[in-house]
Amino acid sequence: MSRLPVAPEGWPFVVVPAAIAAGLALAGRRALAVPFAGAALASLGFFRDPERAVPVVTGGVLAPADGRVIEIDELNDPFVGPAVRVAIFLSPLDVHVNRAPIAGLVVGAAYSRGRFVAAYRQDAGDVNERCVLHLQGENARVTVVQIAGVVARRIVCRVAPGDKLAAGERFGLIRFGSRTDCCMPRGAEVRVRVGDQVMGGVTVLGLLS
């Protein structure tokens, strides 16, 4: 039996307004039912979780999220070391399920409270609510950062240290608009540019050397 293509965390946002809409419609209050039905449909679209054909690319680092690349820079990541960061901005219309960029062992998953400034701001990764995931691959380390935004107020990380992830495997989501950063070792061949649209678990961000 195939799974419904909706993230499990999204069902309350779908079922509750749908039930209210149905109750109002049955009571003859159809005009009042319309906004609740609209909210249910909007949530169904936001929490969609389609199946993906994950490519097998030797040394490939996959996009951890759908969205637009807004920044590519170099930094020193506490886990990766000298790194290249690719920042991906997710609009409310993008799929918000996060996927592992490489196959590896989860060696760290740290949640930090913070502010809710616009996710596209350069300092959002430092000041906003976020969850930092450290993945130890066979030959490299990668850090993924889930970053809340102005509207996104709930980060969901489904994994914990000791878990193993396959490349492209789902590990969480961020509700209602956000940003996801991926830090890979400096020296990786970056395969995307600022402005590119990427697809989580499918688009190759870089090739590890």
Protein backbone atom coordinates (compact mmCIF):
# COMPACT_ATOMS: atom_id res chain seq x y z
CA MET A 1 0.00 0.00 0.00
CA SER A 2 1.56 3.32 -1.08
CA ARG A 3 1.80 6.23 1.35
CA LEU A 4 -0.16 9.42 0.81
CA PRO A 5 2.25 12.11 -0.43
CA VAL A 6 1.78 14.35 2.63
CA ALA A 7 4.23 14.80 5.51
CA PRO A 8 2.72 13.31 8.70
CA GLU A 9 3.27 16.57 10.62
CA GLY A 10 0.91 18.28 8.18
CA TRP A 11 -2.21 16.21 8.75
CA PRO A 12 -3.54 18.27 11.71
CA PHE A 13 -3.34 21.39 9.52
CA VAL A 14 -5.34 19.58 6.83
CA VAL A 15 -7.86 17.56 8.83
CA VAL A 16 -8.97 20.18 11.38
CA PRO A 17 -10.01 22.94 8.93
CA ALA A 18 -11.45 20.30 6.57
CA ALA A 19 -13.62 18.93 9.39
CA ILE A 20 -14.78 22.44 10.32
CA ALA A 21 -15.59 23.17 6.68
CA ALA A 22 -17.56 19.94 6.37
CA GLY A 23 -19.50 20.67 9.55
CA LEU A 24 -20.38 24.18 8.43
CA ALA A 25 -21.41 22.95 4.98
CA LEU A 26 -23.66 20.29 6.47
CA ALA A 27 -25.21 22.95 8.69
CA GLY A 28 -26.00 25.04 5.63
CA ARG A 29 -23.32 27.65 6.36
CA ARG A 30 -21.49 27.22 3.07
CA ALA A 31 -20.12 30.75 2.89
CA LEU A 32 -18.44 30.32 6.26
CA ALA A 33 -17.11 26.92 5.19
CA VAL A 34 -15.18 28.32 2.22
CA PRO A 35 -12.18 29.84 4.09
CA PHE A 36 -11.75 26.66 6.16
CA ALA A 37 -11.85 24.53 3.02
CA GLY A 38 -9.30 26.87 1.46
CA ALA A 39 -7.02 26.55 4.48
CA ALA A 40 -7.21 22.75 4.27
CA LEU A 41 -6.33 22.77 0.58
CA ALA A 42 -3.48 25.23 1.14
CA SER A 43 -2.07 23.04 3.91
CA LEU A 44 -2.38 19.98 1.69
CA GLY A 45 -0.26 21.75 -0.88
CA PHE A 46 2.28 23.06 1.61
CA PHE A 47 2.86 19.71 3.33
CA ARG A 48 3.03 17.70 0.12
CA ASP A 49 5.80 15.13 0.21
CA PRO A 50 6.29 13.60 -3.24
CA GLU A 51 8.40 10.55 -3.87
CA ARG A 52 11.74 11.33 -5.49
CA ALA A 53 14.06 9.30 -7.70
CA VAL A 54 17.36 9.92 -5.90
CA PRO A 55 20.30 9.88 -8.34
CA VAL A 56 23.36 7.76 -7.64
CA VAL A 57 26.31 10.14 -8.11
CA THR A 58 29.75 9.18 -6.84
CA GLY A 59 30.88 11.90 -4.43
CA GLY A 60 27.69 13.84 -5.00
CA VAL A 61 26.24 16.20 -2.37
CA LEU A 62 22.51 16.50 -2.97
CA ALA A 63 20.31 19.50 -2.22
CA PRO A 64 18.74 19.07 1.25
CA ALA A 65 15.66 21.07 0.23
CA ASP A 66 13.65 22.48 -2.64
CA GLY A 67 14.06 26.18 -3.31
CA ARG A 68 16.28 28.88 -4.76
CA VAL A 69 20.00 29.20 -4.12
CA ILE A 70 20.47 32.63 -2.53
CA GLU A 71 24.09 32.46 -1.40
CA ILE A 72 27.28 30.49 -1.96
CA ASP A 73 30.24 31.35 0.25
CA GLU A 74 33.20 29.94 2.11
CA LEU A 75 33.46 29.64 5.88
CA ASN A 76 34.93 27.55 8.66
CA ASP A 77 32.29 25.15 9.90
CA PRO A 78 32.91 23.71 13.39
CA PHE A 79 32.20 20.17 12.13
CA VAL A 80 33.26 20.21 8.48
CA GLY A 81 36.23 22.54 8.84
CA PRO A 82 37.02 24.75 5.82
CA ALA A 83 33.72 24.59 3.95
CA VAL A 84 31.57 25.85 1.12
CA ARG A 85 28.05 26.83 2.16
CA VAL A 86 25.09 26.75 -0.20
CA ALA A 87 22.04 28.57 1.23
CA ILE A 88 18.63 27.59 -0.15
CA PHE A 89 15.55 29.76 0.39
CA LEU A 90 12.20 27.97 0.49
CA SER A 91 9.10 29.94 -0.42
CA PRO A 92 5.68 28.83 0.87
CA LEU A 93 5.10 27.21 -2.54
CA ASP A 94 8.12 24.89 -2.30
CA VAL A 95 8.13 21.38 -0.87
CA HIS A 96 9.37 21.81 2.72
CA VAL A 97 10.54 18.29 3.48
CA ASN A 98 14.30 18.15 4.13
CA ARG A 99 16.47 15.33 2.77
CA ALA A 100 19.94 14.08 3.58
CA PRO A 101 22.56 15.44 1.15
CA ILE A 102 24.83 12.39 1.59
CA ALA A 103 24.60 8.90 3.03
CA GLY A 104 26.03 8.95 6.52
CA LEU A 105 25.80 8.65 10.28
CA VAL A 106 24.07 11.39 12.27
CA VAL A 107 26.69 12.41 14.83
CA GLY A 108 24.99 15.59 16.00
CA ALA A 109 21.56 17.23 15.96
CA ALA A 110 21.40 20.47 17.94
CA TYR A 111 18.35 22.74 18.18
CA SER A 112 18.84 26.42 19.09
CA ARG A 113 16.18 28.96 19.96
CA GLY A 114 16.47 32.32 18.26
CA ARG A 115 14.75 35.10 16.38
CA PHE A 116 12.51 34.94 13.32
CA VAL A 117 13.99 37.45 10.89
CA ALA A 118 13.47 36.95 7.15
CA ALA A 119 15.18 33.70 6.13
CA TYR A 120 16.79 35.30 3.07
CA ARG A 121 18.80 37.71 5.24
CA GLN A 122 22.48 36.90 5.43
CA ASP A 123 22.50 36.80 9.24
CA ALA A 124 19.44 34.50 9.52
CA GLY A 125 21.64 31.43 9.91
CA ASP A 126 23.29 32.97 12.97
CA VAL A 127 20.37 34.61 14.79
CA ASN A 128 17.23 32.65 13.88
CA GLU A 129 15.77 29.53 15.46
CA ARG A 130 17.58 26.63 13.83
CA CYS A 131 18.57 22.98 13.97
CA VAL A 132 22.11 21.94 13.01
CA LEU A 133 22.58 18.39 11.70
CA HIS A 134 26.05 16.84 11.40
CA LEU A 135 26.47 13.93 8.96
CA GLN A 136 29.58 11.76 8.83
CA GLY A 137 29.81 10.17 5.40
CA GLU A 138 32.19 7.48 4.25
CA ASN A 139 34.75 9.99 3.00
CA ALA A 140 33.52 13.42 4.11
CA ARG A 141 31.54 15.41 6.63
CA VAL A 142 28.54 17.59 5.78
CA THR A 143 26.53 20.00 7.93
CA VAL A 144 22.89 20.83 7.23
CA VAL A 145 21.18 23.74 9.00
CA GLN A 146 17.39 24.07 9.13
CA ILE A 147 16.60 27.75 9.67
CA ALA A 148 13.24 29.22 10.64
CA GLY A 149 11.96 32.38 8.94
CA VAL A 150 9.41 35.12 9.53
CA VAL A 151 6.44 32.78 9.07
CA ALA A 152 8.15 29.44 9.73
CA ARG A 153 7.96 28.94 13.49
CA ARG A 154 8.40 25.20 13.85
CA ILE A 155 11.42 23.14 12.89
CA VAL A 156 10.92 19.38 12.74
CA CYS A 157 13.98 17.11 12.89
CA ARG A 158 13.07 13.43 12.94
CA VAL A 159 16.56 12.01 13.52
CA ALA A 160 18.99 11.81 16.43
CA PRO A 161 22.67 11.00 16.89
CA GLY A 162 23.35 7.39 16.01
CA ASP A 163 20.79 7.25 13.19
CA LYS A 164 21.96 6.36 9.70
CA LEU A 165 20.60 8.14 6.64
CA ALA A 166 20.71 7.23 2.99
CA ALA A 167 21.41 9.97 0.47
CA GLY A 168 18.13 11.73 -0.28
CA GLU A 169 16.34 10.20 2.71
CA ARG A 170 13.82 12.42 4.51
CA PHE A 171 14.91 13.69 7.91
CA GLY A 172 12.57 16.57 8.74
CA LEU A 173 10.83 19.73 7.58
CA ILE A 174 10.23 23.37 8.44
CA ARG A 175 6.70 24.73 8.52
CA PHE A 176 5.65 27.66 6.36
CA GLY A 177 8.63 29.24 4.59
CA SER A 178 12.25 28.89 5.62
CA ARG A 179 15.87 28.33 4.63
CA THR A 180 18.18 25.32 4.57
CA ASP A 181 21.98 25.62 4.40
CA CYS A 182 24.35 22.88 3.33
CA CYS A 183 28.05 23.03 4.24
CA MET A 184 30.37 20.69 2.33
CA PRO A 185 34.18 20.48 2.42
CA ARG A 186 36.02 23.28 0.68
CA GLY A 187 37.50 21.93 -2.50
CA ALA A 188 34.24 20.31 -3.57
CA GLU A 189 33.24 21.16 -7.12
CA VAL A 190 30.16 23.37 -6.75
CA ARG A 191 27.59 22.52 -9.42
CA VAL A 192 25.01 25.27 -8.78
CA ARG A 193 24.95 29.05 -8.93
CA VAL A 194 23.09 31.78 -7.05
CA GLY A 195 19.60 32.03 -8.50
CA ASP A 196 19.31 28.35 -9.45
CA GLN A 197 16.20 26.42 -8.46
CA VAL A 198 17.08 23.13 -6.80
CA MET A 199 15.13 20.02 -5.86
CA GLY A 200 15.73 18.25 -2.55
CA GLY A 201 17.26 14.81 -2.89
CA VAL A 202 17.71 15.24 -6.65
CA THR A 203 19.82 18.29 -7.56
CA VAL A 204 23.57 17.80 -7.12
CA LEU A 205 24.98 20.82 -5.26
CA GLY A 206 28.58 19.67 -5.49
CA LEU A 207 31.02 16.86 -6.10
CA LEU A 208 33.43 15.88 -3.35
CA SER A 209 37.04 15.67 -4.45
